[in-house]
Protein backbone atom coordinates (compact mmCIF):
# COMPACT_ATOMS: atom_id res chain seq x y z
CA MET A 1 40.71 -8.25 -8.94
CA PHE A 2 38.04 -6.39 -6.94
CA ASN A 3 39.37 -5.50 -3.48
CA TYR A 4 36.26 -6.16 -1.37
CA THR A 5 35.63 -9.83 -1.98
CA LEU A 6 37.07 -13.21 -1.04
CA ASP A 7 35.17 -15.24 -3.63
CA ASN A 8 35.98 -13.59 -6.97
CA LYS A 9 32.80 -11.52 -7.08
CA ARG A 10 32.94 -8.06 -8.56
CA TYR A 11 30.93 -6.36 -5.84
CA HIS A 12 31.52 -5.77 -2.14
CA THR A 13 30.27 -8.88 -0.39
CA LEU A 14 29.00 -9.17 3.16
CA ASN A 15 31.03 -12.37 3.50
CA TYR A 16 34.20 -10.34 2.88
CA GLU A 17 33.16 -7.70 5.40
CA TYR A 18 32.44 -10.13 8.22
CA LYS A 19 35.50 -12.33 7.65
CA LYS A 20 37.72 -9.24 7.55
CA LYS A 21 36.35 -8.15 10.92
CA TYR A 22 35.81 -11.46 12.74
CA HIS A 23 38.24 -13.79 10.89
CA MET A 24 35.61 -16.50 10.63
CA LYS A 25 32.18 -17.29 9.23
CA VAL A 26 29.39 -15.04 10.56
CA THR A 27 25.77 -15.86 9.86
CA LYS A 28 22.45 -14.21 10.70
CA ILE A 29 19.66 -15.88 12.61
CA SER A 30 16.26 -14.46 11.65
CA LEU A 31 13.94 -13.71 14.56
CA ASN A 32 10.27 -12.78 14.76
CA ALA A 33 9.39 -10.45 17.64
CA ASN A 34 5.78 -10.30 16.46
CA LEU A 35 5.65 -6.49 16.60
CA GLY A 36 3.70 -6.04 13.41
CA CYS A 37 3.98 -2.96 11.20
CA PRO A 38 2.58 0.54 11.74
CA ASN A 39 1.96 0.92 8.02
CA ILE A 40 -0.28 -2.15 8.07
CA LYS A 41 -1.97 -0.96 11.25
CA ASN A 42 -2.56 2.61 10.08
CA ASN A 43 -2.42 2.55 6.30
CA LYS A 44 -3.25 -1.01 5.10
CA GLY A 45 0.43 -1.67 4.35
CA CYS A 46 2.62 -1.68 1.24
CA ILE A 47 0.77 -3.17 -1.72
CA TYR A 48 3.40 -5.87 -2.34
CA CYS A 49 3.54 -7.15 1.22
CA LEU A 50 1.94 -10.25 2.68
CA GLU A 51 0.92 -9.79 6.31
CA LYS A 52 2.76 -13.02 7.01
CA SER A 53 6.01 -11.49 5.72
CA GLY A 54 8.77 -12.54 8.05
CA SER A 55 7.22 -15.90 8.84
CA PHE A 56 10.37 -17.48 7.37
CA GLY A 57 12.15 -16.35 10.55
CA GLY A 58 11.64 -17.79 13.98
CA ASP A 59 8.31 -19.01 15.33
CA PRO A 60 6.65 -16.00 17.06
CA LYS A 61 4.89 -18.38 19.43
CA LYS A 62 8.30 -19.12 20.95
CA SER A 63 10.51 -16.77 22.95
CA LEU A 64 13.19 -14.94 20.99
CA LEU A 65 15.96 -16.92 22.68
CA LYS A 66 14.17 -20.20 21.92
CA GLN A 67 13.82 -19.13 18.28
CA PHE A 68 17.52 -18.31 18.22
CA TYR A 69 18.70 -21.61 19.65
CA ASP A 70 16.35 -23.69 17.50
CA ILE A 71 17.75 -22.14 14.33
CA LYS A 72 21.32 -22.12 15.65
CA GLU A 73 21.15 -25.88 16.20
CA VAL A 74 20.45 -26.38 12.50
CA ILE A 75 23.08 -23.87 11.32
CA ASP A 76 25.76 -25.32 13.59
CA LYS A 77 25.57 -28.60 11.66
CA LYS A 78 26.55 -26.73 8.50
CA TRP A 79 28.82 -23.85 9.51
CA ALA A 80 30.24 -24.45 13.00
CA PRO A 81 32.38 -22.96 14.28
CA CYS A 82 30.96 -19.56 13.46
CA LYS A 83 29.63 -16.39 15.04
CA TYR A 84 26.08 -15.08 14.86
CA ILE A 85 24.09 -11.93 14.25
CA ALA A 86 20.69 -11.78 15.97
CA TYR A 87 18.56 -10.54 13.07
CA PHE A 88 15.23 -9.02 14.04
CA GLN A 89 13.80 -9.46 10.57
CA ALA A 90 10.03 -9.84 10.71
CA GLY A 91 7.91 -6.72 10.91
CA THR A 92 8.98 -3.29 12.18
CA ASN A 93 11.34 -3.90 15.06
CA THR A 94 11.35 -0.44 16.63
CA PHE A 95 7.55 -0.32 16.77
CA ALA A 96 7.37 -0.56 20.59
CA PRO A 97 8.30 1.41 23.72
CA VAL A 98 11.98 1.50 24.63
CA ALA A 99 11.43 -0.62 27.74
CA TYR A 100 9.98 -3.37 25.58
CA LEU A 101 12.77 -3.08 23.00
CA LYS A 102 15.37 -3.51 25.73
CA LYS A 103 13.76 -6.81 26.74
CA MET A 104 13.93 -7.91 23.10
CA TYR A 105 17.50 -7.00 22.28
CA GLU A 106 19.57 -7.06 25.43
CA PRO A 107 19.46 -10.79 26.26
CA PHE A 108 21.51 -11.30 23.08
CA LEU A 109 24.26 -9.07 24.42
CA GLU A 110 25.00 -11.81 26.98
CA LEU A 111 25.62 -14.57 24.44
CA ASP A 112 29.29 -15.21 23.70
CA ASP A 113 28.77 -16.33 20.12
CA VAL A 114 26.54 -13.38 19.15
CA VAL A 115 28.68 -10.55 17.76
CA GLY A 116 25.95 -8.21 16.57
CA ILE A 117 22.31 -7.23 16.34
CA ASP A 118 20.57 -6.39 13.06
CA ILE A 119 17.23 -4.55 13.31
CA ALA A 120 14.83 -4.26 10.38
CA THR A 121 12.53 -1.25 10.68
CA ARG A 122 11.13 1.79 8.87
CA SER A 123 12.35 5.36 8.64
CA ASP A 124 9.04 6.62 10.05
CA ALA A 125 9.09 4.21 13.01
CA ILE A 126 12.13 5.43 14.97
CA SER A 127 11.20 8.00 17.58
CA ASP A 128 13.79 10.31 19.15
CA GLU A 129 13.63 8.22 22.33
CA VAL A 130 14.23 5.00 20.38
CA LEU A 131 17.04 6.67 18.45
CA ASP A 132 18.78 7.58 21.71
CA TYR A 133 18.43 4.00 22.91
CA LEU A 134 19.83 2.64 19.64
CA SER A 135 22.81 4.94 20.13
CA GLU A 136 23.42 3.33 23.53
CA LEU A 137 22.98 -0.16 22.08
CA ASN A 138 25.44 0.64 19.32
CA LYS A 139 28.17 1.09 21.94
CA LYS A 140 27.59 -2.44 23.23
CA THR A 141 27.38 -4.49 20.05
CA ASP A 142 27.89 -4.49 16.29
CA LEU A 143 24.56 -2.81 15.48
CA THR A 144 22.94 -2.52 12.06
CA ILE A 145 19.67 -0.81 11.20
CA GLU A 146 17.89 -1.86 8.01
CA LEU A 147 15.53 0.62 6.34
CA GLY A 148 13.31 0.09 3.33
CA LEU A 149 13.43 2.87 0.77
CA GLN A 150 12.35 0.79 -2.26
CA SER A 151 12.44 3.77 -4.65
CA SER A 152 13.73 7.34 -4.76
CA LYS A 153 10.60 8.42 -6.65
CA ASN A 154 7.83 9.80 -4.42
CA GLU A 155 5.16 9.00 -7.02
CA THR A 156 6.15 5.34 -6.77
CA LEU A 157 6.15 5.42 -2.97
CA ASN A 158 2.61 6.80 -3.07
CA LEU A 159 1.52 4.15 -5.55
CA ILE A 160 2.88 1.28 -3.44
CA ASN A 161 1.36 2.81 -0.29
CA ARG A 162 4.74 2.99 1.38
CA GLY A 163 3.53 5.38 4.09
CA HIS A 164 6.48 7.78 4.00
CA ASP A 165 8.28 9.88 1.42
CA VAL A 166 11.91 10.08 0.32
CA ASP A 167 12.63 13.07 2.54
CA ASN A 168 11.55 11.16 5.66
CA PHE A 169 13.90 8.33 4.71
CA VAL A 170 16.87 10.60 3.98
CA LYS A 171 16.47 12.50 7.25
CA MET A 172 16.48 9.25 9.24
CA VAL A 173 19.61 8.01 7.46
CA TYR A 174 21.42 11.17 8.55
CA LYS A 175 20.07 10.92 12.10
CA LEU A 176 21.38 7.37 12.39
CA ASN A 177 24.69 8.35 10.84
CA GLU A 178 25.09 11.13 13.42
CA LYS A 179 24.89 8.39 16.05
CA ASN A 180 27.50 6.32 14.15
CA ILE A 181 24.92 3.60 13.50
CA LYS A 182 25.36 1.53 10.35
CA VAL A 183 22.45 1.65 7.89
CA VAL A 184 21.51 -0.94 5.27
CA VAL A 185 18.95 0.13 2.66
CA HIS A 186 16.46 -2.04 0.77
CA ILE A 187 15.53 -1.14 -2.80
CA ILE A 188 13.12 -2.87 -5.19
CA ASN A 189 13.60 -3.01 -8.94
CA SER A 190 10.67 -3.23 -11.40
CA LEU A 191 8.15 -1.36 -9.24
CA PRO A 192 5.03 -0.51 -11.29
CA TYR A 193 5.65 1.92 -14.16
CA GLU A 194 9.23 2.70 -13.17
CA THR A 195 11.73 3.22 -15.97
CA GLU A 196 15.37 2.22 -16.08
CA GLU A 197 16.21 5.86 -15.33
CA ASP A 198 14.03 5.75 -12.20
CA MET A 199 15.80 2.64 -10.93
CA LEU A 200 19.24 4.07 -11.63
CA ASN A 201 18.23 7.29 -9.89
CA THR A 202 17.52 5.26 -6.77
CA ALA A 203 21.09 3.92 -6.84
CA LYS A 204 22.41 7.44 -7.47
CA LEU A 205 20.56 8.70 -4.39
CA LEU A 206 22.01 5.92 -2.22
CA ASN A 207 25.48 6.81 -3.43
CA THR A 208 25.08 10.31 -1.96
CA LEU A 209 24.05 9.04 1.48
CA PRO A 210 26.16 7.84 4.44
CA ILE A 211 25.00 4.23 4.26
CA TRP A 212 26.90 1.05 5.07
CA GLY A 213 25.06 -1.43 2.88
CA VAL A 214 22.32 -2.18 0.37
CA LYS A 215 19.92 -5.02 -0.37
CA PHE A 216 18.64 -5.44 -3.93
CA HIS A 217 15.23 -6.95 -4.55
CA MET A 218 13.25 -7.79 -7.65
CA LEU A 219 9.55 -6.98 -7.34
CA ALA A 220 7.59 -10.14 -6.66
CA ILE A 221 3.87 -10.50 -7.30
CA LEU A 222 2.61 -12.46 -4.32
CA LYS A 223 -0.75 -14.12 -3.92
CA GLY A 224 -3.25 -12.29 -1.76
CA THR A 225 -1.66 -8.85 -2.02
CA PRO A 226 -3.13 -5.62 -3.48
CA LEU A 227 -0.22 -5.78 -5.94
CA GLU A 228 -1.65 -9.02 -7.33
CA GLU A 229 -4.91 -7.21 -8.09
CA LEU A 230 -3.09 -4.29 -9.72
CA TYR A 231 -0.96 -6.66 -11.80
CA LYS A 232 -3.98 -8.57 -13.06
CA GLU A 233 -5.94 -5.40 -13.85
CA LYS A 234 -3.21 -3.25 -15.38
CA LYS A 235 -0.67 -5.86 -16.50
CA PHE A 236 2.24 -3.51 -15.90
CA LYS A 237 5.51 -4.84 -17.25
CA LEU A 238 7.89 -6.76 -15.01
CA LEU A 239 11.59 -6.91 -15.76
CA THR A 240 12.73 -10.10 -17.44
CA LYS A 241 15.61 -12.01 -15.89
CA ASP A 242 18.09 -10.47 -18.36
CA GLU A 243 16.70 -6.99 -17.71
CA TYR A 244 16.98 -7.44 -13.95
CA ILE A 245 20.59 -8.57 -14.30
CA ASP A 246 21.34 -5.55 -16.50
CA ILE A 247 19.74 -3.07 -14.07
CA VAL A 248 21.46 -4.52 -10.99
CA ILE A 249 24.86 -4.38 -12.69
CA LYS A 250 24.28 -0.77 -13.74
CA GLN A 251 23.23 0.10 -10.18
CA LEU A 252 26.32 -1.60 -8.76
CA GLU A 253 28.51 0.37 -11.13
CA LEU A 254 27.05 3.59 -9.68
CA LEU A 255 27.60 2.63 -6.01
CA ARG A 256 30.75 3.48 -4.11
CA PRO A 257 32.87 0.31 -3.80
CA GLU A 258 32.88 0.53 0.02
CA ILE A 259 29.08 0.08 0.19
CA VAL A 260 28.45 -3.53 1.25
CA VAL A 261 26.05 -5.62 -0.83
CA HIS A 262 24.06 -7.67 1.67
CA ARG A 263 21.67 -9.20 -0.85
CA ILE A 264 21.41 -9.14 -4.63
CA THR A 265 18.09 -10.95 -4.99
CA SER A 266 15.33 -12.34 -2.77
CA ASP A 267 13.88 -15.66 -1.63
CA PHE A 268 10.27 -16.59 -2.32
CA GLY A 269 8.30 -19.78 -1.90
CA LYS A 270 6.58 -21.15 -4.98
CA ASP A 271 3.26 -21.34 -3.10
CA ASP A 272 3.18 -17.54 -2.71
CA LEU A 273 4.82 -16.36 -5.92
CA ILE A 274 2.81 -15.48 -9.01
CA ALA A 275 5.59 -13.81 -11.01
CA PRO A 276 8.38 -13.63 -12.06
CA ASN A 277 9.29 -17.31 -11.98
CA PHE A 278 13.04 -16.71 -12.31
CA LEU A 279 13.05 -15.67 -8.63
CA LEU A 280 12.52 -19.32 -7.70
CA LYS A 281 16.07 -20.09 -8.86
CA LYS A 282 18.03 -17.73 -6.64
CA THR A 283 21.42 -19.41 -7.05
CA ASN A 284 21.13 -19.40 -10.83
CA LEU A 285 20.27 -15.71 -10.82
CA ILE A 286 23.24 -14.82 -8.59
CA ASN A 287 25.58 -16.89 -10.76
CA ASP A 288 24.27 -15.22 -13.90
CA ILE A 289 24.91 -11.77 -12.43
CA ASP A 290 28.48 -12.82 -11.65
CA LYS A 291 29.00 -14.21 -15.16
CA GLU A 292 27.63 -11.09 -16.83
CA MET A 293 29.79 -8.78 -14.71
CA LYS A 294 32.81 -10.83 -15.73
CA ARG A 295 31.75 -10.78 -19.39
CA ARG A 296 31.44 -6.98 -19.28
CA ASP A 297 34.65 -6.74 -17.24
CA THR A 298 32.93 -4.36 -14.85
CA TYR A 299 32.94 -3.76 -11.08
CA GLN A 300 30.97 -2.09 -8.34
CA GLY A 301 31.82 1.60 -8.22
CA ILE A 302 33.36 1.88 -11.67
CA TYR A 303 31.16 4.92 -12.39
CA SER A 304 30.60 6.15 -8.81
């Protein structure tokens, strides 16, 4: 039996982590602060990204608190009683002056049922001044910072127009760790021309870093992105469903068991997705990963 799960999974689940700490269901509410992204502003953005990314969160035309309560009303019908994480998901949520960020985050410190704040951002979008403020915020709430790495291969980061290199990412992870701020890292499997070794090397890098959690993604070809054009022109190979399952399991085996798995696949709407179609059946994919880990009798961290 794997120690870090309550639901018979063989990897360290976020559900386990939250219930261990708060003794009840904790769920995230996705918010859209409409800050945009400096990589889109300055560098045309990552080639896989739709500019409307994050639109699945709250309505940016509404205030953040209004977004929160609108979504909370729906979730309460399913999960209540539970606690909440205010999840600043859309865009780059440190891409503003500190005074503005305080107005975004601090109203949520006053809400009794909000136990934490989760901030999605980029390693090249946290200034020293913002870092100092995040350190203060971390003393007031259960703070998480999410950073996209995507790949540990600089050639891939250049190809996808990521806008920063691996060294920039690693330095920011250590800066956040020095402030005792929890870091969750996003990685993408099946980026153009990457080999299995490249993808496993990304997991190996994460295992050397002081991170709290990881989110796994399968590359999605979305309509209207530069990646769609590249895919149609070059027809680079995407992982099949079985190959994705195999890679994720091998990556999990390389990760320390205390690293929390926040996500093991992604959500995409059928109107935006070109390929691969197996991403439209998220639950099936998660179940198949669980079944294959059981069949192999393997666990997260077995080779870490």
